């Protein structure tokens, strides 16, 4: 009987809230790093193509982090 009850609970696991997922250390670390990268570009200025590419990279990483947070509820 316990096996059946466990099987049912595994079939419909409760998803953590958006806030709980956002407060996970691995996600927070990624967000802080991507935001720091973006801020550093503006701090030092955009004076070359390389700076623009740095901004694009940091911004892409930030967007990917947001997408991962949104998609984590389906996994």
C-alpha atoms as a PDB file:
ATOM      1  CA  UNK A   1       0.000   0.000   0.000  1.00  0.00           C
ATOM      2  CA  UNK A   2       2.802   2.420   0.775  1.00  0.00           C
ATOM      3  CA  UNK A   3       4.326   1.804  -2.633  1.00  0.00           C
ATOM      4  CA  UNK A   4       1.085   2.780  -4.342  1.00  0.00           C
ATOM      5  CA  UNK A   5       0.769   5.954  -2.278  1.00  0.00           C
ATOM      6  CA  UNK A   6       4.358   6.895  -3.018  1.00  0.00           C
ATOM      7  CA  UNK A   7       3.813   6.247  -6.705  1.00  0.00           C
ATOM      8  CA  UNK A   8       0.841   8.588  -6.749  1.00  0.00           C
ATOM      9  CA  UNK A   9       2.754  11.384  -5.052  1.00  0.00           C
ATOM     10  CA  UNK A  10       5.653  10.961  -7.477  1.00  0.00           C
ATOM     11  CA  UNK A  11       3.269  11.258 -10.408  1.00  0.00           C
ATOM     12  CA  UNK A  12       2.136  14.735  -9.346  1.00  0.00           C
ATOM     13  CA  UNK A  13       4.975  16.440  -7.487  1.00  0.00           C
ATOM     14  CA  UNK A  14       4.214  19.841  -6.032  1.00  0.00           C
ATOM     15  CA  UNK A  15       6.131  22.538  -7.881  1.00  0.00           C
ATOM     16  CA  UNK A  16       8.050  25.086  -5.787  1.00  0.00           C
ATOM     17  CA  UNK A  17       6.841  28.663  -6.050  1.00  0.00           C
ATOM     18  CA  UNK A  18       8.524  31.157  -8.358  1.00  0.00           C
ATOM     19  CA  UNK A  19      10.069  32.896  -5.357  1.00  0.00           C
ATOM     20  CA  UNK A  20      11.509  29.644  -3.986  1.00  0.00           C
ATOM     21  CA  UNK A  21      13.025  28.824  -7.379  1.00  0.00           C
ATOM     22  CA  UNK A  22      14.441  32.354  -7.688  1.00  0.00           C
ATOM     23  CA  UNK A  23      16.069  32.138  -4.258  1.00  0.00           C
ATOM     24  CA  UNK A  24      18.065  29.017  -5.094  1.00  0.00           C
ATOM     25  CA  UNK A  25      21.775  29.715  -4.775  1.00  0.00           C
ATOM     26  CA  UNK A  26      22.655  28.495  -8.276  1.00  0.00           C
ATOM     27  CA  UNK A  27      20.081  30.784  -9.896  1.00  0.00           C
ATOM     28  CA  UNK A  28      20.969  33.778  -7.713  1.00  0.00           C
ATOM     29  CA  UNK A  29      24.656  33.325  -8.501  1.00  0.00           C
ATOM     30  CA  UNK A  30      23.980  33.276 -12.224  1.00  0.00           C
ATOM     31  CA  UNK A  31      21.807  36.396 -12.002  1.00  0.00           C
ATOM     32  CA  UNK A  32      24.329  38.332  -9.919  1.00  0.00           C
ATOM     33  CA  UNK A  33      27.129  37.414 -12.310  1.00  0.00           C
ATOM     34  CA  UNK A  34      25.167  38.388 -15.431  1.00  0.00           C
ATOM     35  CA  UNK A  35      24.024  41.683 -13.898  1.00  0.00           C
ATOM     36  CA  UNK A  36      27.566  42.496 -12.750  1.00  0.00           C
ATOM     37  CA  UNK A  37      28.792  41.895 -16.292  1.00  0.00           C
ATOM     38  CA  UNK A  38      26.162  44.275 -17.710  1.00  0.00           C
ATOM     39  CA  UNK A  39      26.875  46.959 -15.085  1.00  0.00           C
ATOM     40  CA  UNK A  40      30.621  46.719 -15.683  1.00  0.00           C
ATOM     41  CA  UNK A  41      30.130  47.495 -19.371  1.00  0.00           C
ATOM     42  CA  UNK A  42      28.254  50.687 -18.530  1.00  0.00           C
ATOM     43  CA  UNK A  43      30.749  51.566 -15.776  1.00  0.00           C
ATOM     44  CA  UNK A  44      33.723  51.437 -18.148  1.00  0.00           C
ATOM     45  CA  UNK A  45      31.780  52.786 -21.114  1.00  0.00           C
ATOM     46  CA  UNK A  46      30.962  51.463 -24.543  1.00  0.00           C
ATOM     47  CA  UNK A  47      33.735  52.693 -26.785  1.00  0.00           C
ATOM     48  CA  UNK A  48      34.315  49.800 -29.163  1.00  0.00           C
ATOM     49  CA  UNK A  49      32.637  46.884 -30.875  1.00  0.00           C
ATOM     50  CA  UNK A  50      34.103  44.598 -28.222  1.00  0.00           C
ATOM     51  CA  UNK A  51      32.284  46.547 -25.512  1.00  0.00           C
ATOM     52  CA  UNK A  52      29.031  46.138 -27.405  1.00  0.00           C
ATOM     53  CA  UNK A  53      29.661  42.420 -27.686  1.00  0.00           C
ATOM     54  CA  UNK A  54      30.343  42.245 -23.945  1.00  0.00           C
ATOM     55  CA  UNK A  55      27.010  43.958 -23.318  1.00  0.00           C
ATOM     56  CA  UNK A  56      25.274  41.556 -25.695  1.00  0.00           C
ATOM     57  CA  UNK A  57      26.840  38.568 -23.937  1.00  0.00           C
ATOM     58  CA  UNK A  58      25.861  39.744 -20.451  1.00  0.00           C
ATOM     59  CA  UNK A  59      22.353  40.626 -21.600  1.00  0.00           C
ATOM     60  CA  UNK A  60      21.915  37.262 -23.317  1.00  0.00           C
ATOM     61  CA  UNK A  61      23.036  35.483 -20.165  1.00  0.00           C
ATOM     62  CA  UNK A  62      20.533  37.539 -18.126  1.00  0.00           C
ATOM     63  CA  UNK A  63      17.658  36.686 -20.485  1.00  0.00           C
ATOM     64  CA  UNK A  64      18.652  33.008 -20.448  1.00  0.00           C
ATOM     65  CA  UNK A  65      18.517  33.070 -16.638  1.00  0.00           C
ATOM     66  CA  UNK A  66      14.998  34.502 -16.719  1.00  0.00           C
ATOM     67  CA  UNK A  67      13.938  31.890 -19.281  1.00  0.00           C
ATOM     68  CA  UNK A  68      15.410  29.114 -17.133  1.00  0.00           C
ATOM     69  CA  UNK A  69      13.430  30.363 -14.142  1.00  0.00           C
ATOM     70  CA  UNK A  70      10.212  30.458 -16.162  1.00  0.00           C
ATOM     71  CA  UNK A  71      10.826  27.009 -17.652  1.00  0.00           C
ATOM     72  CA  UNK A  72      11.827  25.379 -14.362  1.00  0.00           C
ATOM     73  CA  UNK A  73       8.166  25.023 -13.379  1.00  0.00           C
ATOM     74  CA  UNK A  74       7.587  22.612 -16.254  1.00  0.00           C
ATOM     75  CA  UNK A  75      10.541  20.347 -15.449  1.00  0.00           C
END
